[in-house]
N, C-alpha and C. Protein backbone atom coordinates (compact mmCIF):
# COMPACT_ATOMS: atom_id res chain seq x y z
N MET A 1 0.84 -1.18 0.00
CA MET A 1 0.00 0.00 0.00
C MET A 1 0.88 1.24 0.00
N LEU A 2 0.45 2.24 -0.68
CA LEU A 2 1.22 3.46 -0.78
C LEU A 2 0.80 4.47 0.27
N PHE A 3 1.80 5.13 0.85
CA PHE A 3 1.53 6.15 1.87
C PHE A 3 0.63 7.25 1.31
N GLN A 4 0.90 7.69 0.08
CA GLN A 4 0.13 8.78 -0.51
C GLN A 4 -1.35 8.44 -0.60
N GLU A 5 -1.68 7.19 -0.84
CA GLU A 5 -3.07 6.77 -0.99
C GLU A 5 -3.77 6.60 0.35
N HIS A 6 -3.06 6.14 1.36
CA HIS A 6 -3.71 5.72 2.60
C HIS A 6 -3.30 6.50 3.84
N GLY A 7 -2.22 7.27 3.77
CA GLY A 7 -1.79 8.04 4.92
C GLY A 7 -0.97 7.25 5.92
N PHE A 8 -0.58 6.04 5.57
CA PHE A 8 0.28 5.24 6.43
C PHE A 8 1.11 4.31 5.56
N ALA A 9 2.18 3.82 6.12
CA ALA A 9 3.02 2.86 5.41
C ALA A 9 2.75 1.47 5.96
N HIS A 10 2.63 0.52 5.09
CA HIS A 10 2.40 -0.87 5.50
C HIS A 10 3.67 -1.65 5.23
N LEU A 11 4.22 -2.24 6.27
CA LEU A 11 5.43 -3.04 6.14
C LEU A 11 5.08 -4.50 6.39
N PRO A 12 4.71 -5.21 5.36
CA PRO A 12 4.33 -6.61 5.58
C PRO A 12 5.50 -7.40 6.15
N ALA A 13 5.22 -8.08 7.23
CA ALA A 13 6.21 -8.91 7.92
C ALA A 13 7.43 -8.12 8.37
N GLY A 14 7.31 -6.80 8.43
CA GLY A 14 8.41 -5.97 8.88
C GLY A 14 8.56 -5.98 10.38
N VAL A 15 7.44 -6.08 11.08
CA VAL A 15 7.43 -6.09 12.54
C VAL A 15 6.46 -7.19 12.96
N ALA A 16 6.90 -8.03 13.86
CA ALA A 16 6.02 -9.09 14.36
C ALA A 16 4.79 -8.45 15.02
N LEU A 17 3.64 -9.03 14.81
CA LEU A 17 2.39 -8.48 15.31
C LEU A 17 2.44 -8.19 16.81
N GLU A 18 3.05 -9.07 17.58
CA GLU A 18 3.11 -8.86 19.03
C GLU A 18 3.97 -7.65 19.41
N ASN A 19 4.81 -7.18 18.48
CA ASN A 19 5.65 -6.01 18.75
C ASN A 19 5.08 -4.72 18.18
N ALA A 20 4.12 -4.81 17.31
CA ALA A 20 3.60 -3.63 16.61
C ALA A 20 3.05 -2.59 17.59
N GLY A 21 2.33 -3.01 18.61
CA GLY A 21 1.79 -2.08 19.60
C GLY A 21 2.89 -1.35 20.35
N ARG A 22 3.94 -2.05 20.68
CA ARG A 22 5.07 -1.42 21.39
C ARG A 22 5.79 -0.42 20.49
N VAL A 23 5.93 -0.77 19.22
CA VAL A 23 6.56 0.16 18.27
C VAL A 23 5.72 1.42 18.14
N GLN A 24 4.41 1.25 17.98
CA GLN A 24 3.51 2.40 17.85
C GLN A 24 3.57 3.27 19.10
N LYS A 25 3.51 2.66 20.26
CA LYS A 25 3.56 3.41 21.51
C LYS A 25 4.87 4.18 21.64
N ALA A 26 5.97 3.54 21.29
CA ALA A 26 7.28 4.21 21.36
C ALA A 26 7.33 5.40 20.41
N LEU A 27 6.81 5.22 19.20
CA LEU A 27 6.83 6.33 18.23
C LEU A 27 5.95 7.48 18.68
N LEU A 28 4.81 7.18 19.25
CA LEU A 28 3.87 8.23 19.65
C LEU A 28 4.21 8.88 20.98
N GLU A 29 4.70 8.10 21.93
CA GLU A 29 4.84 8.61 23.29
C GLU A 29 6.28 8.82 23.75
N CYS A 30 7.22 8.13 23.16
CA CYS A 30 8.59 8.16 23.69
C CYS A 30 9.61 8.78 22.74
N THR A 31 9.22 9.08 21.53
CA THR A 31 10.16 9.61 20.54
C THR A 31 10.13 11.13 20.58
N PRO A 32 11.28 11.76 20.77
CA PRO A 32 11.32 13.23 20.84
C PRO A 32 11.27 13.87 19.45
N TRP A 33 10.07 13.89 18.86
CA TRP A 33 9.89 14.45 17.52
C TRP A 33 10.19 15.95 17.54
N LYS A 34 10.66 16.43 16.41
CA LYS A 34 10.89 17.86 16.20
C LYS A 34 9.98 18.34 15.07
N LEU A 35 9.61 19.60 15.13
CA LEU A 35 8.88 20.24 14.04
C LEU A 35 9.89 21.02 13.22
N ALA A 36 10.01 20.70 11.95
CA ALA A 36 10.93 21.39 11.06
C ALA A 36 10.12 22.16 10.03
N PHE A 37 10.55 23.38 9.75
CA PHE A 37 9.91 24.20 8.72
C PHE A 37 10.89 25.29 8.31
N ASN A 38 10.56 25.98 7.24
CA ASN A 38 11.41 27.08 6.82
C ASN A 38 10.65 28.40 6.96
N ASP A 39 11.41 29.41 7.29
CA ASP A 39 10.91 30.79 7.31
C ASP A 39 11.74 31.52 6.26
N ASN A 40 11.17 31.63 5.07
CA ASN A 40 11.90 32.10 3.89
C ASN A 40 13.10 31.20 3.67
N GLN A 41 14.31 31.70 3.76
CA GLN A 41 15.50 30.89 3.49
C GLN A 41 16.05 30.22 4.75
N LYS A 42 15.44 30.44 5.89
CA LYS A 42 15.97 29.94 7.15
C LYS A 42 15.28 28.63 7.57
N HIS A 43 16.08 27.59 7.82
CA HIS A 43 15.55 26.32 8.32
C HIS A 43 15.39 26.43 9.84
N ILE A 44 14.24 26.02 10.34
CA ILE A 44 13.95 26.10 11.77
C ILE A 44 13.52 24.72 12.25
N GLU A 45 14.05 24.32 13.39
CA GLU A 45 13.60 23.09 14.06
C GLU A 45 13.20 23.44 15.47
N MET A 46 12.00 23.05 15.83
CA MET A 46 11.51 23.24 17.20
C MET A 46 11.43 21.89 17.86
N SER A 47 11.93 21.81 19.08
CA SER A 47 11.81 20.56 19.82
C SER A 47 10.34 20.33 20.18
N GLY A 48 10.02 19.11 20.54
CA GLY A 48 8.66 18.81 20.98
C GLY A 48 8.27 19.65 22.18
N ASP A 49 9.22 19.85 23.09
CA ASP A 49 8.94 20.68 24.26
C ASP A 49 8.60 22.10 23.85
N GLN A 50 9.34 22.63 22.87
CA GLN A 50 9.07 24.00 22.41
C GLN A 50 7.69 24.10 21.76
N SER A 51 7.38 23.19 20.86
CA SER A 51 6.10 23.28 20.17
C SER A 51 4.94 22.98 21.11
N HIS A 52 5.12 22.07 22.07
CA HIS A 52 4.06 21.76 23.03
C HIS A 52 3.84 22.89 24.03
N SER A 53 4.87 23.72 24.23
CA SER A 53 4.71 24.82 25.18
C SER A 53 4.00 26.02 24.58
N LEU A 54 3.81 26.02 23.25
CA LEU A 54 3.09 27.12 22.61
C LEU A 54 1.61 27.06 22.99
N ARG A 55 1.05 28.23 23.22
CA ARG A 55 -0.40 28.28 23.42
C ARG A 55 -1.08 27.91 22.11
N LYS A 56 -2.28 27.40 22.21
CA LYS A 56 -2.99 26.95 21.01
C LYS A 56 -3.07 28.06 19.96
N GLN A 57 -3.36 29.27 20.39
CA GLN A 57 -3.49 30.37 19.42
C GLN A 57 -2.14 30.69 18.77
N ASP A 58 -1.03 30.53 19.51
CA ASP A 58 0.29 30.77 18.93
C ASP A 58 0.66 29.67 17.94
N LEU A 59 0.31 28.44 18.25
CA LEU A 59 0.55 27.34 17.33
C LEU A 59 -0.29 27.53 16.06
N ASN A 60 -1.53 27.98 16.23
CA ASN A 60 -2.38 28.25 15.06
C ASN A 60 -1.79 29.36 14.20
N ARG A 61 -1.24 30.40 14.84
CA ARG A 61 -0.60 31.49 14.09
C ARG A 61 0.62 30.98 13.32
N LEU A 62 1.41 30.12 13.95
CA LEU A 62 2.57 29.55 13.29
C LEU A 62 2.13 28.73 12.07
N GLN A 63 1.14 27.88 12.25
CA GLN A 63 0.65 27.07 11.14
C GLN A 63 0.10 27.94 10.01
N GLN A 64 -0.60 29.00 10.37
CA GLN A 64 -1.15 29.89 9.36
C GLN A 64 -0.02 30.61 8.60
N ALA A 65 1.03 31.02 9.31
CA ALA A 65 2.17 31.66 8.65
C ALA A 65 2.84 30.70 7.67
N ILE A 66 2.95 29.44 8.06
CA ILE A 66 3.53 28.43 7.18
C ILE A 66 2.65 28.25 5.94
N PHE A 67 1.34 28.15 6.13
CA PHE A 67 0.42 28.01 4.99
C PHE A 67 0.47 29.24 4.09
N ASN A 68 0.52 30.43 4.69
CA ASN A 68 0.56 31.67 3.90
C ASN A 68 1.82 31.73 3.04
N GLN A 69 2.95 31.35 3.61
CA GLN A 69 4.18 31.38 2.83
C GLN A 69 4.11 30.39 1.68
N ALA A 70 3.45 29.26 1.90
CA ALA A 70 3.36 28.23 0.86
C ALA A 70 2.58 28.71 -0.36
N GLN A 71 1.76 29.72 -0.20
CA GLN A 71 0.98 30.23 -1.34
C GLN A 71 1.84 30.98 -2.34
N ASN A 72 2.95 31.55 -1.87
CA ASN A 72 3.74 32.41 -2.74
C ASN A 72 5.20 32.01 -2.88
N ALA A 73 5.65 31.03 -2.10
CA ALA A 73 7.06 30.69 -2.11
C ALA A 73 7.24 29.23 -1.72
N PHE A 74 8.47 28.78 -1.83
CA PHE A 74 8.79 27.41 -1.41
C PHE A 74 8.57 27.29 0.10
N GLN A 75 7.96 26.19 0.52
CA GLN A 75 7.66 25.99 1.93
C GLN A 75 7.72 24.51 2.25
N TYR A 76 8.18 24.19 3.44
CA TYR A 76 8.09 22.82 3.94
C TYR A 76 7.77 22.86 5.43
N SER A 77 7.16 21.80 5.87
CA SER A 77 6.83 21.64 7.29
C SER A 77 6.64 20.15 7.54
N TYR A 78 7.38 19.61 8.49
CA TYR A 78 7.28 18.19 8.78
C TYR A 78 7.81 17.90 10.18
N HIS A 79 7.41 16.77 10.71
CA HIS A 79 7.95 16.30 11.98
C HIS A 79 9.07 15.32 11.67
N ASN A 80 10.14 15.37 12.47
CA ASN A 80 11.23 14.45 12.24
C ASN A 80 11.85 14.03 13.56
N TYR A 81 12.58 12.96 13.47
CA TYR A 81 13.39 12.46 14.58
C TYR A 81 14.72 12.03 13.98
N PRO A 82 15.70 12.92 14.02
CA PRO A 82 16.99 12.56 13.43
C PRO A 82 17.66 11.41 14.18
N ILE A 83 18.15 10.46 13.43
CA ILE A 83 18.86 9.33 14.05
C ILE A 83 20.24 9.20 13.44
């Protein structure tokens, strides 16, 4: 199955079924994801603590600024965990 079609990646026999729940839990709850995006030519990475500490209205403003820039210029925004 393709990620673009379904919004998830399917790895047949990639992870034993009994381990899949632990992998999911670790990815969702224990992995220190970062939010990466660009502000014009500047690459910015916010730690999970930084993005979680934003008030909801500030996070909404940030997302709106990212969307606004995407209308007229190159833009990216993604979560990552560098390894």
